[in-house]
């Protein structure tokens, strides 16, 4: 597998569709997310694990790198101008950062009510509430809810500025691999993308693989993809002195 160091796998697990999961991805490790069946969506939040008041900033991430989506060789910036994680491998080439995550009203309006009391683990979850439950494990609440990155999802924009979900974009086996430049609390939900037009409640599983990784070298492609990223890596390295 591209960029994963053979023999240095720390652990792997599978996350069912519509569920949440979190992990502190430590500096010196990478995490690979794989869409097992195709059509998955992974809504992700990122925080400095040592100080969760420092967290992913969508505006800075896009502005600094002059982009409107994430892909290989791009970085996830915190609101302190440091790099939380960098994209070292990516088979999709596009990950949505604009459209946010589903909420209870949206799911109920589209698919009806299907409560836990009546349907147990097959009840209809929504991304906002699920992520808030996971954040609570770390002492955080709604005040700490931030923008999400939607891995494996692509959104098109027409001439009038309207957004539409690109169906069939992520194929079975599609993957993205992120290297932790800081100890990063990663919180994910595998629920539906809010623009997915599926007439039925659609959730897909993913595989998570955590491996050892080498520190970025001076010619690292994430570091050199734009001059601003060079400065971002320097800020991040000074944080660890």
Protein backbone atom coordinates (compact mmCIF):
# COMPACT_ATOMS: atom_id res chain seq x y z
CA UNK A 1 0.00 0.00 0.00
CA UNK A 2 1.36 3.39 -1.01
CA UNK A 3 3.36 5.17 1.75
CA UNK A 4 2.43 2.69 4.51
CA UNK A 5 5.60 1.28 6.03
CA UNK A 6 5.44 -2.52 5.85
CA UNK A 7 5.89 -4.24 9.22
CA UNK A 8 5.13 -1.13 11.27
CA UNK A 9 1.36 -1.49 11.60
CA UNK A 10 0.28 -0.58 15.14
CA UNK A 11 -3.37 -1.58 14.90
CA UNK A 12 -6.32 -1.81 12.56
CA UNK A 13 -10.05 -1.84 13.04
CA UNK A 14 -13.29 -1.52 11.09
CA UNK A 15 -15.89 1.17 11.78
CA UNK A 16 -19.44 0.30 10.79
CA UNK A 17 -21.47 2.72 8.71
CA UNK A 18 -23.25 5.37 10.77
CA UNK A 19 -20.98 5.02 13.82
CA UNK A 20 -18.45 7.28 15.50
CA UNK A 21 -14.88 6.62 16.57
CA UNK A 22 -11.99 8.65 17.97
CA UNK A 23 -8.28 8.23 18.54
CA UNK A 24 -5.27 10.35 19.44
CA UNK A 25 -3.03 9.96 16.41
CA UNK A 26 0.43 10.62 17.79
CA UNK A 27 3.23 12.50 16.10
CA UNK A 28 5.35 9.86 14.38
CA UNK A 29 2.34 7.84 13.25
CA UNK A 30 -0.05 7.89 10.31
CA UNK A 31 -3.66 6.84 9.94
CA UNK A 32 -5.16 5.37 6.79
CA UNK A 33 -8.91 5.37 6.17
CA UNK A 34 -10.22 2.97 3.51
CA UNK A 35 -13.68 2.94 1.95
CA UNK A 36 -14.45 -0.79 2.00
CA UNK A 37 -17.58 -0.93 -0.16
CA UNK A 38 -17.55 2.37 -2.06
CA UNK A 39 -19.79 5.34 -1.37
CA UNK A 40 -18.57 5.94 2.19
CA UNK A 41 -18.45 9.34 3.86
CA UNK A 42 -16.27 10.11 6.89
CA UNK A 43 -16.95 13.40 8.68
CA UNK A 44 -13.86 14.29 10.73
CA UNK A 45 -12.92 16.76 13.48
CA UNK A 46 -9.31 17.55 14.46
CA UNK A 47 -7.89 18.92 17.74
CA UNK A 48 -4.46 19.36 19.33
CA UNK A 49 -4.61 16.45 21.78
CA UNK A 50 -2.50 18.33 24.35
CA UNK A 51 -4.67 21.46 24.21
CA UNK A 52 -8.06 20.96 22.59
CA UNK A 53 -8.67 24.73 22.42
CA UNK A 54 -6.34 24.54 19.41
CA UNK A 55 -8.26 22.88 16.61
CA UNK A 56 -8.78 22.60 12.85
CA UNK A 57 -9.51 25.87 11.11
CA UNK A 58 -11.18 25.50 7.72
CA UNK A 59 -10.66 29.11 6.66
CA UNK A 60 -6.92 29.11 7.30
CA UNK A 61 -6.49 25.65 5.76
CA UNK A 62 -8.06 26.80 2.49
CA UNK A 63 -6.65 30.32 2.39
CA UNK A 64 -3.07 29.38 3.26
CA UNK A 65 -2.92 26.72 0.53
CA UNK A 66 -5.13 28.54 -2.04
CA UNK A 67 -7.53 25.59 -2.30
CA UNK A 68 -11.23 24.76 -1.94
CA UNK A 69 -10.92 21.02 -1.20
CA UNK A 70 -8.33 18.66 0.30
CA UNK A 71 -6.18 16.07 -1.43
CA UNK A 72 -2.66 14.60 -1.43
CA UNK A 73 0.19 16.94 -0.42
CA UNK A 74 -2.17 19.29 1.42
CA UNK A 75 -2.23 19.97 5.14
CA UNK A 76 -4.81 20.42 7.88
CA UNK A 77 -4.05 23.64 9.76
CA UNK A 78 -4.99 24.59 13.29
CA UNK A 79 -6.18 28.05 14.33
CA UNK A 80 -2.64 28.67 15.63
CA UNK A 81 -1.03 28.36 12.19
CA UNK A 82 0.38 24.91 12.92
CA UNK A 83 -0.12 21.72 10.94
CA UNK A 84 -2.13 19.04 12.69
CA UNK A 85 -1.99 16.44 9.92
CA UNK A 86 -0.78 16.19 6.32
CA UNK A 87 -2.09 14.15 3.37
CA UNK A 88 0.68 11.72 2.44
CA UNK A 89 -1.43 9.41 0.26
CA UNK A 90 -4.82 9.75 -1.38
CA UNK A 91 -6.54 7.74 -4.11
CA UNK A 92 -9.55 10.05 -4.46
CA UNK A 93 -8.05 13.47 -5.17
CA UNK A 94 -10.93 15.40 -3.62
CA UNK A 95 -12.37 15.61 -0.10
CA UNK A 96 -15.16 18.07 0.78
CA UNK A 97 -14.51 20.74 3.43
CA UNK A 98 -17.49 23.04 2.82
CA UNK A 99 -20.77 21.20 3.27
CA UNK A 100 -20.73 20.30 6.96
CA UNK A 101 -22.51 17.36 8.54
CA UNK A 102 -26.07 16.05 8.89
CA UNK A 103 -28.31 16.91 11.84
CA UNK A 104 -31.39 15.34 13.46
CA UNK A 105 -33.90 17.55 11.63
CA UNK A 106 -32.35 16.79 8.24
CA UNK A 107 -32.38 13.01 8.77
CA UNK A 108 -35.94 12.99 10.14
CA UNK A 109 -37.24 15.14 7.27
CA UNK A 110 -35.72 12.90 4.62
CA UNK A 111 -36.11 9.42 6.11
CA UNK A 112 -38.59 9.71 8.97
CA UNK A 113 -38.13 8.89 12.63
CA UNK A 114 -36.41 5.64 13.56
CA UNK A 115 -35.49 5.78 17.24
CA UNK A 116 -33.11 3.66 19.27
CA UNK A 117 -35.96 2.60 21.55
CA UNK A 118 -37.73 0.96 18.62
CA UNK A 119 -34.86 -0.11 16.37
CA UNK A 120 -31.83 -0.49 18.70
CA UNK A 121 -28.52 -0.26 16.79
CA UNK A 122 -30.22 0.16 13.41
CA UNK A 123 -31.81 3.48 14.39
CA UNK A 124 -31.18 6.55 12.22
CA UNK A 125 -28.20 8.49 13.49
CA UNK A 126 -27.16 11.98 12.47
CA UNK A 127 -23.60 13.29 12.30
CA UNK A 128 -23.99 16.30 14.59
CA UNK A 129 -25.40 14.42 17.58
CA UNK A 130 -23.08 11.45 17.07
CA UNK A 131 -19.97 13.64 17.00
CA UNK A 132 -21.14 15.54 20.08
CA UNK A 133 -21.50 12.26 21.98
CA UNK A 134 -17.94 11.31 21.00
CA UNK A 135 -16.60 14.75 21.95
CA UNK A 136 -18.18 14.42 25.40
CA UNK A 137 -15.74 11.58 26.14
CA UNK A 138 -13.01 14.24 26.11
CA UNK A 139 -14.87 16.82 28.19
CA UNK A 140 -16.04 18.82 25.17
CA UNK A 141 -19.51 19.96 24.17
CA UNK A 142 -21.36 22.00 21.56
CA UNK A 143 -19.07 24.99 22.11
CA UNK A 144 -16.19 22.86 20.82
CA UNK A 145 -17.96 21.70 17.66
CA UNK A 146 -16.02 22.88 14.60
CA UNK A 147 -16.02 22.55 10.82
CA UNK A 148 -15.69 19.02 9.45
CA UNK A 149 -13.73 17.45 6.64
CA UNK A 150 -15.84 14.97 4.65
CA UNK A 151 -13.45 12.29 3.39
CA UNK A 152 -14.43 10.34 0.25
CA UNK A 153 -17.06 12.92 -0.78
CA UNK A 154 -16.89 15.30 -3.74
CA UNK A 155 -19.18 18.26 -4.33
CA UNK A 156 -19.57 20.05 -7.67
CA UNK A 157 -20.40 23.73 -8.12
CA UNK A 158 -22.41 24.96 -11.13
CA UNK A 159 -22.28 28.35 -12.86
CA UNK A 160 -24.91 29.71 -10.45
CA UNK A 161 -22.94 28.64 -7.38
CA UNK A 162 -25.23 25.73 -6.50
CA UNK A 163 -23.63 22.72 -4.82
CA UNK A 164 -24.39 19.13 -5.81
CA UNK A 165 -23.13 15.80 -4.53
CA UNK A 166 -21.08 13.74 -6.99
CA UNK A 167 -22.52 10.22 -6.82
CA UNK A 168 -20.31 7.16 -7.28
CA UNK A 169 -17.16 9.17 -6.62
CA UNK A 170 -15.47 6.93 -4.04
CA UNK A 171 -14.90 3.37 -5.23
CA UNK A 172 -14.35 0.26 -3.09
CA UNK A 173 -10.80 0.38 -1.77
CA UNK A 174 -10.44 4.16 -2.02
CA UNK A 175 -8.17 5.46 0.72
CA UNK A 176 -6.63 8.51 2.31
CA UNK A 177 -3.59 8.49 4.60
CA UNK A 178 -2.83 11.28 7.06
CA UNK A 179 0.47 11.77 8.90
CA UNK A 180 0.24 13.37 12.33
CA UNK A 181 2.53 16.39 12.61
CA UNK A 182 1.23 16.96 16.15
CA UNK A 183 -0.50 14.62 18.60
CA UNK A 184 -3.97 15.00 17.09
CA UNK A 185 -7.33 14.00 18.49
CA UNK A 186 -9.25 12.71 15.48
CA UNK A 187 -13.02 12.27 15.89
CA UNK A 188 -14.95 10.70 13.01
CA UNK A 189 -18.50 9.78 12.04
CA UNK A 190 -19.33 7.45 9.16
CA UNK A 191 -22.81 8.80 8.47
CA UNK A 192 -24.28 10.20 5.25
CA UNK A 193 -22.95 13.32 3.59
CA UNK A 194 -25.62 16.04 3.98
CA UNK A 195 -25.96 16.48 0.19
CA UNK A 196 -26.11 12.78 -0.67
CA UNK A 197 -29.39 12.44 -2.63
CA UNK A 198 -29.93 8.76 -1.79
CA UNK A 199 -33.66 8.08 -1.25
CA UNK A 200 -32.78 5.69 1.57
CA UNK A 201 -30.68 6.09 4.71
CA UNK A 202 -27.25 5.09 3.40
CA UNK A 203 -24.18 4.41 5.54
CA UNK A 204 -21.01 2.51 4.63
CA UNK A 205 -18.15 0.95 6.68
CA UNK A 206 -14.50 1.95 6.62
CA UNK A 207 -11.23 0.39 7.71
CA UNK A 208 -8.82 2.27 9.98
CA UNK A 209 -5.12 1.44 9.94
CA UNK A 210 -2.56 3.15 12.19
CA UNK A 211 1.14 2.79 11.38
CA UNK A 212 4.51 4.16 12.39
CA UNK A 213 5.72 6.93 10.11
CA UNK A 214 8.99 8.74 9.50
CA UNK A 215 9.24 12.50 10.13
CA UNK A 216 8.98 14.68 7.02
CA UNK A 217 12.26 15.33 5.23
CA UNK A 218 13.13 18.81 3.86
CA UNK A 219 11.91 17.80 0.38
CA UNK A 220 8.67 16.27 1.67
CA UNK A 221 5.92 16.94 -0.89
CA UNK A 222 3.45 18.21 1.72
CA UNK A 223 6.06 20.65 2.97
CA UNK A 224 7.06 21.92 -0.47
CA UNK A 225 3.64 22.04 -2.14
CA UNK A 226 3.46 25.78 -1.41
CA UNK A 227 5.67 28.32 0.42
CA UNK A 228 3.06 28.75 3.15
CA UNK A 229 3.32 25.07 4.07
CA UNK A 230 7.07 25.45 4.61
CA UNK A 231 6.29 28.09 7.22
CA UNK A 232 3.56 25.92 8.70
CA UNK A 233 5.97 23.04 9.21
CA UNK A 234 8.52 25.38 10.82
CA UNK A 235 5.88 26.66 13.25
CA UNK A 236 4.90 23.09 14.08
CA UNK A 237 8.49 21.95 14.62
CA UNK A 238 9.19 24.89 16.94
CA UNK A 239 6.15 23.88 19.00
CA UNK A 240 7.90 20.58 19.77
CA UNK A 241 11.26 22.04 20.82
